[in-house]
Amino acid sequence: MPDHNYFSNLIWQIADLLRGPYRPPQYERVMLPMTVLRRFDCVLAPTKTKVLAEFDKRKGGKLNDDALDRLLNKASGQRFHNHSPLDFEKLKGDPDNIDKHLVSYIKGFSSNVRRIFDFFEFENEIEKMRESNICTSWSRNSPMWTSIPALCPTIRWGSSSRISSGASTNWQTRPQETISRHARLSA
């Protein structure tokens, strides 16, 4: 198991990547959504093929968005799903187009998860990273891709994770408060 220094070095490598377009208090604009995204990716990994098969079967049908979401959530065994063919491994495979693929991947989530990323305003951050050439520096071995999985190991996130519903709608909070309030995930 890696020690404290290992994780500390990974975090500093990410900070080095973000330095310039972001000031240190702004690093959370990227780090927090990426960590949440990785967590969702890990939770959904075991049922990804089942969800994709169900989505392909139902795509273009008469189901509206809510009904399709419920059906795909059932296939995922969670209160959320992702019907994008992408996952974290596939995202890292094409660093030249990571910005487009990342947006596409997020749009493949169920509406409740997309709302979380809307409140993070993460598409704006992806665009800011693209304009600053941060996205194109994300290679397979980039600290952005190697540290997020290391900081968020799959083993800790089993299929029992859930997104809570019925939370308050005060969205004027900081991203950490939004996640803790609106997307409580059990470890």
N, C-alpha and C. Protein backbone atom coordinates (compact mmCIF):
# COMPACT_ATOMS: atom_id res chain seq x y z
N MET A 1 0.85 -1.19 0.00
CA MET A 1 0.00 0.00 0.00
C MET A 1 0.88 1.24 0.00
N PRO A 2 0.63 2.19 -0.89
CA PRO A 2 1.42 3.41 -0.93
C PRO A 2 1.30 4.19 0.39
N ASP A 3 2.36 4.91 0.70
CA ASP A 3 2.38 5.66 1.95
C ASP A 3 1.93 7.11 1.73
N HIS A 4 1.95 7.86 2.80
CA HIS A 4 1.53 9.26 2.80
C HIS A 4 2.32 10.09 1.77
N ASN A 5 3.63 9.88 1.69
CA ASN A 5 4.47 10.63 0.76
C ASN A 5 4.07 10.39 -0.69
N TYR A 6 3.70 9.17 -1.01
CA TYR A 6 3.27 8.83 -2.36
C TYR A 6 2.05 9.67 -2.75
N PHE A 7 1.03 9.68 -1.90
CA PHE A 7 -0.18 10.45 -2.18
C PHE A 7 0.10 11.95 -2.19
N SER A 8 0.93 12.38 -1.29
CA SER A 8 1.30 13.80 -1.25
C SER A 8 1.96 14.22 -2.56
N ASN A 9 2.88 13.40 -3.05
CA ASN A 9 3.55 13.71 -4.32
C ASN A 9 2.57 13.75 -5.49
N LEU A 10 1.61 12.81 -5.51
CA LEU A 10 0.61 12.81 -6.58
C LEU A 10 -0.22 14.09 -6.56
N ILE A 11 -0.62 14.50 -5.38
CA ILE A 11 -1.43 15.72 -5.27
C ILE A 11 -0.63 16.93 -5.74
N TRP A 12 0.65 16.99 -5.38
CA TRP A 12 1.48 18.12 -5.83
C TRP A 12 1.69 18.09 -7.33
N GLN A 13 1.76 16.90 -7.93
CA GLN A 13 1.89 16.81 -9.38
C GLN A 13 0.65 17.38 -10.07
N ILE A 14 -0.52 17.10 -9.51
CA ILE A 14 -1.75 17.66 -10.07
C ILE A 14 -1.75 19.17 -9.90
N ALA A 15 -1.32 19.63 -8.74
CA ALA A 15 -1.25 21.07 -8.50
C ALA A 15 -0.32 21.73 -9.52
N ASP A 16 0.79 21.09 -9.84
CA ASP A 16 1.71 21.63 -10.85
C ASP A 16 1.04 21.73 -12.21
N LEU A 17 0.20 20.74 -12.54
CA LEU A 17 -0.54 20.77 -13.80
C LEU A 17 -1.51 21.94 -13.86
N LEU A 18 -2.17 22.21 -12.73
CA LEU A 18 -3.21 23.23 -12.70
C LEU A 18 -2.67 24.64 -12.49
N ARG A 19 -1.43 24.72 -12.02
CA ARG A 19 -0.84 26.04 -11.74
C ARG A 19 -0.79 26.86 -13.02
N GLY A 20 -1.12 28.11 -12.92
CA GLY A 20 -1.17 29.01 -14.06
C GLY A 20 -2.59 29.47 -14.26
N PRO A 21 -3.42 28.63 -14.92
CA PRO A 21 -4.81 29.05 -15.10
C PRO A 21 -5.61 29.04 -13.79
N TYR A 22 -5.13 28.29 -12.79
CA TYR A 22 -5.83 28.20 -11.52
C TYR A 22 -4.92 28.65 -10.39
N ARG A 23 -5.50 29.36 -9.43
CA ARG A 23 -4.79 29.67 -8.19
C ARG A 23 -5.06 28.53 -7.22
N PRO A 24 -4.21 28.32 -6.21
CA PRO A 24 -4.42 27.20 -5.29
C PRO A 24 -5.84 27.05 -4.73
N PRO A 25 -6.52 28.14 -4.33
CA PRO A 25 -7.89 27.93 -3.83
C PRO A 25 -8.87 27.46 -4.91
N GLN A 26 -8.47 27.55 -6.17
CA GLN A 26 -9.36 27.14 -7.27
C GLN A 26 -9.12 25.70 -7.72
N TYR A 27 -8.11 25.03 -7.18
CA TYR A 27 -7.82 23.66 -7.59
C TYR A 27 -9.02 22.75 -7.37
N GLU A 28 -9.82 23.06 -6.36
CA GLU A 28 -10.98 22.23 -6.06
C GLU A 28 -11.97 22.20 -7.22
N ARG A 29 -11.95 23.21 -8.08
CA ARG A 29 -12.86 23.25 -9.23
C ARG A 29 -12.61 22.09 -10.18
N VAL A 30 -11.41 21.55 -10.16
CA VAL A 30 -11.07 20.41 -11.01
C VAL A 30 -10.97 19.13 -10.17
N MET A 31 -10.27 19.22 -9.06
CA MET A 31 -10.00 18.02 -8.26
C MET A 31 -11.28 17.37 -7.71
N LEU A 32 -12.18 18.16 -7.18
CA LEU A 32 -13.39 17.60 -6.59
C LEU A 32 -14.28 16.94 -7.65
N PRO A 33 -14.60 17.62 -8.76
CA PRO A 33 -15.42 16.93 -9.77
C PRO A 33 -14.74 15.68 -10.35
N MET A 34 -13.42 15.73 -10.54
CA MET A 34 -12.72 14.55 -11.07
C MET A 34 -12.78 13.39 -10.08
N THR A 35 -12.66 13.69 -8.80
CA THR A 35 -12.74 12.64 -7.78
C THR A 35 -14.14 12.05 -7.74
N VAL A 36 -15.16 12.90 -7.80
CA VAL A 36 -16.54 12.42 -7.81
C VAL A 36 -16.80 11.60 -9.07
N LEU A 37 -16.30 12.07 -10.20
CA LEU A 37 -16.47 11.36 -11.46
C LEU A 37 -15.84 9.97 -11.37
N ARG A 38 -14.65 9.90 -10.80
CA ARG A 38 -13.98 8.61 -10.65
C ARG A 38 -14.78 7.68 -9.74
N ARG A 39 -15.33 8.25 -8.67
CA ARG A 39 -16.12 7.42 -7.76
C ARG A 39 -17.33 6.83 -8.48
N PHE A 40 -18.05 7.66 -9.21
CA PHE A 40 -19.20 7.16 -9.98
C PHE A 40 -18.76 6.09 -10.96
N ASP A 41 -17.63 6.31 -11.63
CA ASP A 41 -17.10 5.36 -12.60
C ASP A 41 -16.84 4.00 -11.93
N CYS A 42 -16.24 4.03 -10.76
CA CYS A 42 -15.94 2.78 -10.04
C CYS A 42 -17.20 2.05 -9.61
N VAL A 43 -18.18 2.80 -9.11
CA VAL A 43 -19.42 2.19 -8.65
C VAL A 43 -20.17 1.53 -9.81
N LEU A 44 -20.13 2.16 -10.98
CA LEU A 44 -20.90 1.66 -12.12
C LEU A 44 -20.16 0.61 -12.95
N ALA A 45 -18.87 0.45 -12.73
CA ALA A 45 -18.07 -0.46 -13.55
C ALA A 45 -18.63 -1.89 -13.64
N PRO A 46 -19.05 -2.51 -12.53
CA PRO A 46 -19.51 -3.90 -12.64
C PRO A 46 -20.74 -4.10 -13.52
N THR A 47 -21.58 -3.09 -13.68
CA THR A 47 -22.82 -3.25 -14.46
C THR A 47 -22.81 -2.45 -15.76
N LYS A 48 -21.66 -1.92 -16.14
CA LYS A 48 -21.57 -1.06 -17.33
C LYS A 48 -22.10 -1.76 -18.59
N THR A 49 -21.69 -2.98 -18.85
CA THR A 49 -22.13 -3.68 -20.07
C THR A 49 -23.63 -3.94 -20.05
N LYS A 50 -24.17 -4.23 -18.89
CA LYS A 50 -25.61 -4.47 -18.78
C LYS A 50 -26.39 -3.18 -19.10
N VAL A 51 -25.92 -2.05 -18.59
CA VAL A 51 -26.58 -0.76 -18.85
C VAL A 51 -26.47 -0.41 -20.33
N LEU A 52 -25.30 -0.61 -20.92
CA LEU A 52 -25.12 -0.31 -22.35
C LEU A 52 -26.04 -1.17 -23.22
N ALA A 53 -26.17 -2.44 -22.87
CA ALA A 53 -27.05 -3.33 -23.63
C ALA A 53 -28.50 -2.88 -23.51
N GLU A 54 -28.91 -2.52 -22.31
CA GLU A 54 -30.29 -2.05 -22.10
C GLU A 54 -30.53 -0.73 -22.83
N PHE A 55 -29.55 0.16 -22.81
CA PHE A 55 -29.68 1.45 -23.51
C PHE A 55 -29.79 1.24 -25.02
N ASP A 56 -28.96 0.36 -25.57
CA ASP A 56 -29.02 0.08 -27.01
C ASP A 56 -30.37 -0.51 -27.40
N LYS A 57 -30.92 -1.34 -26.52
CA LYS A 57 -32.21 -1.96 -26.77
C LYS A 57 -33.34 -0.92 -26.74
N ARG A 58 -33.23 0.06 -25.86
CA ARG A 58 -34.31 1.04 -25.65
C ARG A 58 -34.12 2.35 -26.41
N LYS A 59 -32.94 2.59 -26.92
CA LYS A 59 -32.62 3.86 -27.60
C LYS A 59 -33.55 4.07 -28.79
N GLY A 60 -34.08 5.29 -28.90
CA GLY A 60 -34.98 5.60 -30.00
C GLY A 60 -36.39 5.11 -29.78
N GLY A 61 -36.65 4.53 -28.62
CA GLY A 61 -37.99 4.04 -28.31
C GLY A 61 -38.90 5.14 -27.83
N LYS A 62 -40.03 4.73 -27.27
CA LYS A 62 -41.05 5.69 -26.84
C LYS A 62 -40.90 6.12 -25.39
N LEU A 63 -39.88 5.62 -24.71
CA LEU A 63 -39.71 6.01 -23.31
C LEU A 63 -39.19 7.43 -23.21
N ASN A 64 -39.76 8.21 -22.27
CA ASN A 64 -39.23 9.56 -22.05
C ASN A 64 -37.99 9.47 -21.17
N ASP A 65 -37.37 10.60 -20.93
CA ASP A 65 -36.10 10.61 -20.20
C ASP A 65 -36.21 10.01 -18.81
N ASP A 66 -37.26 10.37 -18.05
CA ASP A 66 -37.41 9.86 -16.69
C ASP A 66 -37.64 8.35 -16.68
N ALA A 67 -38.47 7.87 -17.57
CA ALA A 67 -38.75 6.43 -17.63
C ALA A 67 -37.50 5.66 -18.05
N LEU A 68 -36.77 6.20 -19.02
CA LEU A 68 -35.53 5.55 -19.45
C LEU A 68 -34.50 5.57 -18.33
N ASP A 69 -34.40 6.69 -17.61
CA ASP A 69 -33.49 6.77 -16.47
C ASP A 69 -33.81 5.70 -15.43
N ARG A 70 -35.10 5.55 -15.11
CA ARG A 70 -35.49 4.54 -14.11
C ARG A 70 -35.12 3.13 -14.58
N LEU A 71 -35.33 2.86 -15.84
CA LEU A 71 -35.02 1.54 -16.39
C LEU A 71 -33.52 1.27 -16.36
N LEU A 72 -32.73 2.27 -16.75
CA LEU A 72 -31.27 2.10 -16.76
C LEU A 72 -30.70 2.10 -15.34
N ASN A 73 -31.32 2.83 -14.43
CA ASN A 73 -30.90 2.77 -13.03
C ASN A 73 -31.11 1.36 -12.48
N LYS A 74 -32.21 0.76 -12.86
CA LYS A 74 -32.48 -0.61 -12.41
C LYS A 74 -31.42 -1.56 -12.96
N ALA A 75 -31.04 -1.35 -14.21
CA ALA A 75 -30.00 -2.20 -14.82
C ALA A 75 -28.66 -2.00 -14.11
N SER A 76 -28.39 -0.77 -13.65
CA SER A 76 -27.11 -0.51 -12.98
C SER A 76 -27.13 -0.97 -11.53
N GLY A 77 -28.32 -1.16 -10.97
CA GLY A 77 -28.42 -1.54 -9.56
C GLY A 77 -28.16 -0.36 -8.64
N GLN A 78 -28.21 0.84 -9.17
CA GLN A 78 -27.96 2.07 -8.41
C GLN A 78 -29.10 3.05 -8.66
N ARG A 79 -29.01 4.19 -8.04
CA ARG A 79 -29.97 5.26 -8.30
C ARG A 79 -29.46 6.19 -9.40
N PHE A 80 -28.47 5.74 -10.13
CA PHE A 80 -27.89 6.50 -11.23
C PHE A 80 -27.25 5.51 -12.19
N HIS A 81 -26.93 6.00 -13.38
CA HIS A 81 -26.30 5.15 -14.39
C HIS A 81 -25.49 6.02 -15.34
N ASN A 82 -24.75 5.39 -16.22
CA ASN A 82 -24.08 6.09 -17.31
C ASN A 82 -24.21 5.20 -18.54
N HIS A 83 -24.85 5.76 -19.59
CA HIS A 83 -25.04 4.98 -20.82
C HIS A 83 -24.02 5.35 -21.90
N SER A 84 -23.01 6.13 -21.53
CA SER A 84 -21.95 6.45 -22.48
C SER A 84 -21.05 5.22 -22.65
N PRO A 85 -20.58 4.96 -23.86
CA PRO A 85 -19.65 3.83 -24.03
C PRO A 85 -18.28 4.11 -23.40
N LEU A 86 -18.05 5.34 -22.95
CA LEU A 86 -16.77 5.71 -22.36
C LEU A 86 -16.72 5.35 -20.87
N ASP A 87 -15.52 5.16 -20.38
CA ASP A 87 -15.25 5.04 -18.96
C ASP A 87 -13.88 5.68 -18.73
N PHE A 88 -13.37 5.63 -17.50
CA PHE A 88 -12.11 6.30 -17.21
C PHE A 88 -10.97 5.75 -18.07
N GLU A 89 -10.92 4.46 -18.26
CA GLU A 89 -9.84 3.86 -19.06
C GLU A 89 -9.89 4.35 -20.50
N LYS A 90 -11.08 4.40 -21.08
CA LYS A 90 -11.21 4.85 -22.47
C LYS A 90 -10.93 6.34 -22.59
N LEU A 91 -11.30 7.11 -21.56
CA LEU A 91 -11.03 8.55 -21.59
C LEU A 91 -9.54 8.82 -21.66
N LYS A 92 -8.74 8.07 -20.90
CA LYS A 92 -7.29 8.30 -20.91
C LYS A 92 -6.66 7.88 -22.21
N GLY A 93 -7.34 7.06 -22.97
CA GLY A 93 -6.76 6.54 -24.20
C GLY A 93 -6.67 7.53 -25.34
N ASP A 94 -7.35 8.66 -25.24
CA ASP A 94 -7.34 9.65 -26.32
C ASP A 94 -7.15 11.05 -25.72
N PRO A 95 -5.94 11.36 -25.23
CA PRO A 95 -5.72 12.65 -24.56
C PRO A 95 -5.91 13.86 -25.48
N ASP A 96 -5.78 13.68 -26.78
CA ASP A 96 -5.96 14.81 -27.70
C ASP A 96 -7.41 15.30 -27.75
N ASN A 97 -8.34 14.42 -27.44
CA ASN A 97 -9.76 14.77 -27.48
C ASN A 97 -10.43 14.64 -26.13
N ILE A 98 -9.65 14.70 -25.08
CA ILE A 98 -10.18 14.46 -23.74
C ILE A 98 -11.29 15.43 -23.38
N ASP A 99 -11.20 16.67 -23.80
CA ASP A 99 -12.23 17.64 -23.45
C ASP A 99 -13.59 17.25 -24.01
N LYS A 100 -13.63 16.86 -25.28
CA LYS A 100 -14.90 16.46 -25.90
C LYS A 100 -15.43 15.17 -25.29
N HIS A 101 -14.52 14.22 -25.09
CA HIS A 101 -14.94 12.93 -24.53
C HIS A 101 -15.42 13.07 -23.09
N LEU A 102 -14.77 13.93 -22.32
CA LEU A 102 -15.17 14.12 -20.93
C LEU A 102 -16.58 14.72 -20.85
N VAL A 103 -16.87 15.69 -21.70
CA VAL A 103 -18.21 16.27 -21.74
C VAL A 103 -19.22 15.22 -22.17
N SER A 104 -18.89 14.45 -23.19
CA SER A 104 -19.78 13.38 -23.66
C SER A 104 -20.03 12.34 -22.57
N TYR A 105 -18.99 11.98 -21.86
CA TYR A 105 -19.11 10.99 -20.78
C TYR A 105 -20.05 11.51 -19.69
N ILE A 106 -19.89 12.76 -19.31
CA ILE A 106 -20.75 13.33 -18.27
C ILE A 106 -22.20 13.40 -18.74
N LYS A 107 -22.42 13.71 -20.01
CA LYS A 107 -23.78 13.76 -20.54
C LYS A 107 -24.43 12.39 -20.62
N GLY A 108 -23.64 11.33 -20.51
CA GLY A 108 -24.18 9.97 -20.52
C GLY A 108 -24.75 9.53 -19.18
N PHE A 109 -24.55 10.32 -18.14
CA PHE A 109 -25.08 9.98 -16.82
C PHE A 109 -26.58 10.26 -16.76
N SER A 110 -27.21 9.67 -15.78
CA SER A 110 -28.63 9.95 -15.51
C SER A 110 -28.77 11.41 -15.09
N SER A 111 -29.97 11.92 -15.15
CA SER A 111 -30.20 13.36 -14.92
C SER A 111 -29.76 13.81 -13.52
N ASN A 112 -29.90 12.96 -12.51
CA ASN A 112 -29.52 13.38 -11.16
C ASN A 112 -28.01 13.62 -11.05
N VAL A 113 -27.21 12.85 -11.72
CA VAL A 113 -25.76 13.04 -11.70
C VAL A 113 -25.37 14.22 -12.60
N ARG A 114 -26.02 14.36 -13.73
CA ARG A 114 -25.73 15.51 -14.60
C ARG A 114 -25.98 16.82 -13.86
N ARG A 115 -27.02 16.86 -13.02
CA ARG A 115 -27.29 18.07 -12.24
C ARG A 115 -26.12 18.39 -11.31
N ILE A 116 -25.50 17.39 -10.73
CA ILE A 116 -24.35 17.61 -9.85
C ILE A 116 -23.24 18.31 -10.63
N PHE A 117 -22.94 17.81 -11.82
CA PHE A 117 -21.87 18.40 -12.61
C PHE A 117 -22.28 19.76 -13.19
N ASP A 118 -23.57 19.99 -13.38
CA ASP A 118 -24.03 21.32 -13.76
C ASP A 118 -23.76 22.32 -12.64
N PHE A 119 -23.99 21.89 -11.41
CA PHE A 119 -23.76 22.79 -10.27
C PHE A 119 -22.26 23.02 -10.05
N PHE A 120 -21.45 22.06 -10.40
CA PHE A 120 -20.00 22.27 -10.36
C PHE A 120 -19.56 23.22 -11.48
N GLU A 121 -20.43 23.39 -12.50
CA GLU A 121 -20.08 24.14 -13.70
C GLU A 121 -18.82 23.55 -14.32
N PHE A 122 -18.78 22.23 -14.35
CA PHE A 122 -17.57 21.54 -14.77
C PHE A 122 -17.29 21.68 -16.26
N GLU A 123 -18.32 21.84 -17.08
CA GLU A 123 -18.07 22.05 -18.51
C GLU A 123 -17.28 23.34 -18.73
N ASN A 124 -17.56 24.36 -17.93
CA ASN A 124 -16.78 25.59 -18.01
C ASN A 124 -15.32 25.34 -17.64
N GLU A 125 -15.11 24.50 -16.62
CA GLU A 125 -13.74 24.19 -16.20
C GLU A 125 -13.02 23.36 -17.26
N ILE A 126 -13.75 22.45 -17.90
CA ILE A 126 -13.15 21.65 -18.98
C ILE A 126 -12.72 22.58 -20.11
N GLU A 127 -13.57 23.54 -20.45
CA GLU A 127 -13.23 24.51 -21.50
C GLU A 127 -12.03 25.35 -21.09
N LYS A 128 -12.00 25.77 -19.83
CA LYS A 128 -10.86 26.56 -19.34
C LYS A 128 -9.56 25.74 -19.42
N MET A 129 -9.64 24.45 -19.06
CA MET A 129 -8.46 23.59 -19.14
C MET A 129 -8.04 23.38 -20.59
N ARG A 130 -9.03 23.26 -21.49
CA ARG A 130 -8.70 23.09 -22.91
C ARG A 130 -7.98 24.33 -23.44
N GLU A 131 -8.52 25.50 -23.12
CA GLU A 131 -7.90 26.75 -23.58
C GLU A 131 -6.50 26.94 -23.02
N SER A 132 -6.25 26.40 -21.84
CA SER A 132 -4.93 26.53 -21.20
C SER A 132 -4.00 25.36 -21.54
N ASN A 133 -4.45 24.48 -22.44
CA ASN A 133 -3.68 23.29 -22.84
C ASN A 133 -3.41 22.33 -21.69
N ILE A 134 -4.24 22.37 -20.67
CA ILE A 134 -4.11 21.38 -19.60
C ILE A 134 -4.64 20.05 -20.08
N CYS A 135 -5.75 20.06 -20.81
CA CYS A 135 -6.36 18.81 -21.28
C CYS A 135 -5.41 18.04 -22.20
N THR A 136 -4.73 18.73 -23.09
CA THR A 136 -3.85 18.04 -24.03
C THR A 136 -2.62 17.47 -23.34
N SER A 137 -2.31 17.95 -22.14
CA SER A 137 -1.16 17.39 -21.41
C SER A 137 -1.56 16.16 -20.60
N TRP A 138 -2.84 15.80 -20.65
CA TRP A 138 -3.29 14.61 -19.92
C TRP A 138 -2.97 13.37 -20.74
N SER A 139 -1.87 12.78 -20.51
CA SER A 139 -1.54 11.53 -21.20
C SER A 139 -1.93 10.37 -20.30
N ARG A 140 -1.70 9.18 -20.78
CA ARG A 140 -2.00 8.00 -19.98
C ARG A 140 -1.30 8.02 -18.62
N ASN A 141 -0.12 8.58 -18.56
CA ASN A 141 0.63 8.57 -17.31
C ASN A 141 0.61 9.91 -16.60
N SER A 142 -0.28 10.80 -17.02
CA SER A 142 -0.39 12.11 -16.40
C SER A 142 -0.82 11.95 -14.94
N PRO A 143 -0.36 12.84 -14.07
CA PRO A 143 -0.80 12.77 -12.69
C PRO A 143 -2.31 12.91 -12.53
N MET A 144 -2.97 13.61 -13.45
CA MET A 144 -4.42 13.75 -13.34
C MET A 144 -5.10 12.39 -13.43
N TRP A 145 -4.59 11.51 -14.29
CA TRP A 145 -5.21 10.19 -14.44
C TRP A 145 -4.65 9.18 -13.48
N THR A 146 -3.38 9.28 -13.11
CA THR A 146 -2.81 8.26 -12.23
C THR A 146 -3.15 8.52 -10.78
N SER A 147 -3.31 9.78 -10.38
CA SER A 147 -3.54 10.05 -8.97
C SER A 147 -5.00 9.93 -8.58
N ILE A 148 -5.93 10.34 -9.43
CA ILE A 148 -7.34 10.25 -9.06
C ILE A 148 -7.70 8.79 -8.75
N PRO A 149 -7.35 7.82 -9.61
CA PRO A 149 -7.64 6.44 -9.24
C PRO A 149 -6.88 6.00 -7.99
N ALA A 150 -5.67 6.47 -7.81
CA ALA A 150 -4.92 6.08 -6.63
C ALA A 150 -5.54 6.66 -5.37
N LEU A 151 -6.03 7.88 -5.46
CA LEU A 151 -6.66 8.50 -4.31
C LEU A 151 -8.06 7.94 -4.07
N CYS A 152 -8.65 7.33 -5.08
CA CYS A 152 -10.02 6.84 -5.02
C CYS A 152 -10.07 5.38 -5.44
N PRO A 153 -9.51 4.48 -4.65
CA PRO A 153 -9.44 3.08 -5.09
C PRO A 153 -10.82 2.44 -5.23
N THR A 154 -10.93 1.58 -6.20
CA THR A 154 -12.17 0.88 -6.49
C THR A 154 -12.64 0.04 -5.32
N ILE A 155 -11.73 -0.56 -4.60
CA ILE A 155 -12.06 -1.50 -3.53
C ILE A 155 -12.97 -0.85 -2.48
N ARG A 156 -12.77 0.43 -2.20
CA ARG A 156 -13.55 1.09 -1.17
C ARG A 156 -14.96 1.42 -1.62
N TRP A 157 -15.24 1.33 -2.91
CA TRP A 157 -16.54 1.76 -3.40
C TRP A 157 -17.28 0.60 -4.02
N GLY A 158 -18.00 -0.09 -3.23
CA GLY A 158 -18.76 -1.21 -3.72
C GLY A 158 -20.11 -0.78 -4.27
N SER A 159 -20.93 -1.74 -4.57
CA SER A 159 -22.21 -1.45 -5.19
C SER A 159 -23.23 -0.91 -4.21
N SER A 160 -22.87 -0.78 -2.93
CA SER A 160 -23.83 -0.26 -1.96
C SER A 160 -23.92 1.26 -1.98
N SER A 161 -23.09 1.92 -2.79
CA SER A 161 -23.11 3.39 -2.84
C SER A 161 -24.41 3.87 -3.46
N ARG A 162 -24.95 4.94 -2.91
CA ARG A 162 -26.21 5.50 -3.39
C ARG A 162 -26.14 7.01 -3.42
N ILE A 163 -26.93 7.60 -4.28
CA ILE A 163 -27.10 9.05 -4.28
C ILE A 163 -28.38 9.32 -3.52
N SER A 164 -28.33 10.24 -2.58
CA SER A 164 -29.54 10.56 -1.83
C SER A 164 -30.45 11.42 -2.68
N SER A 165 -31.71 11.39 -2.38
CA SER A 165 -32.66 12.22 -3.10
C SER A 165 -33.39 13.10 -2.10
N GLY A 166 -34.08 14.09 -2.61
CA GLY A 166 -34.88 14.94 -1.76
C GLY A 166 -34.08 15.94 -0.94
N ALA A 167 -32.91 16.31 -1.39
CA ALA A 167 -32.10 17.28 -0.66
C ALA A 167 -32.60 18.69 -0.93
N SER A 168 -32.16 19.62 -0.11
CA SER A 168 -32.60 21.01 -0.29
C SER A 168 -32.05 21.57 -1.60
N THR A 169 -32.55 22.71 -2.01
CA THR A 169 -32.15 23.26 -3.30
C THR A 169 -31.38 24.56 -3.18
N ASN A 170 -30.65 24.75 -2.09
CA ASN A 170 -29.81 25.94 -1.96
C ASN A 170 -28.49 25.66 -2.67
N TRP A 171 -28.40 26.07 -3.93
CA TRP A 171 -27.23 25.76 -4.74
C TRP A 171 -26.19 26.87 -4.71
N GLN A 172 -26.32 27.80 -3.80
CA GLN A 172 -25.36 28.88 -3.69
C GLN A 172 -24.20 28.50 -2.77
N THR A 173 -24.02 27.22 -2.52
CA THR A 173 -22.97 26.76 -1.63
C THR A 173 -21.72 26.43 -2.42
N ARG A 174 -20.65 26.19 -1.70
CA ARG A 174 -19.40 25.78 -2.35
C ARG A 174 -19.55 24.34 -2.84
N PRO A 175 -18.72 23.91 -3.81
CA PRO A 175 -18.87 22.56 -4.37
C PRO A 175 -18.80 21.45 -3.32
N GLN A 176 -17.92 21.58 -2.31
CA GLN A 176 -17.83 20.52 -1.30
C GLN A 176 -19.14 20.38 -0.56
N GLU A 177 -19.78 21.51 -0.22
CA GLU A 177 -21.04 21.47 0.49
C GLU A 177 -22.13 20.90 -0.40
N THR A 178 -22.09 21.21 -1.68
CA THR A 178 -23.08 20.68 -2.61
C THR A 178 -22.99 19.17 -2.67
N ILE A 179 -21.78 18.64 -2.77
CA ILE A 179 -21.61 17.19 -2.81
C ILE A 179 -22.05 16.56 -1.52
N SER A 180 -21.61 17.10 -0.39
CA SER A 180 -21.97 16.46 0.87
C SER A 180 -23.47 16.54 1.11
N ARG A 181 -24.12 17.58 0.63
CA ARG A 181 -25.54 17.75 0.85
C ARG A 181 -26.39 17.03 -0.18
N HIS A 182 -25.96 17.03 -1.45
CA HIS A 182 -26.83 16.55 -2.53
C HIS A 182 -26.39 15.25 -3.17
N ALA A 183 -25.26 14.77 -2.83
CA ALA A 183 -24.82 13.50 -3.42
C ALA A 183 -24.10 12.69 -2.37
N ARG A 184 -24.77 12.45 -1.26
CA ARG A 184 -24.14 11.68 -0.19
C ARG A 184 -23.90 10.25 -0.68
N LEU A 185 -22.66 9.83 -0.59
CA LEU A 185 -22.31 8.48 -1.04
C LEU A 185 -21.76 7.72 0.14
N SER A 186 -22.29 6.54 0.38
CA SER A 186 -21.77 5.75 1.49
C SER A 186 -20.51 5.03 1.03
N ALA A 187 -19.54 5.01 1.86
CA ALA A 187 -18.26 4.37 1.53
C ALA A 187 -18.34 2.88 1.74
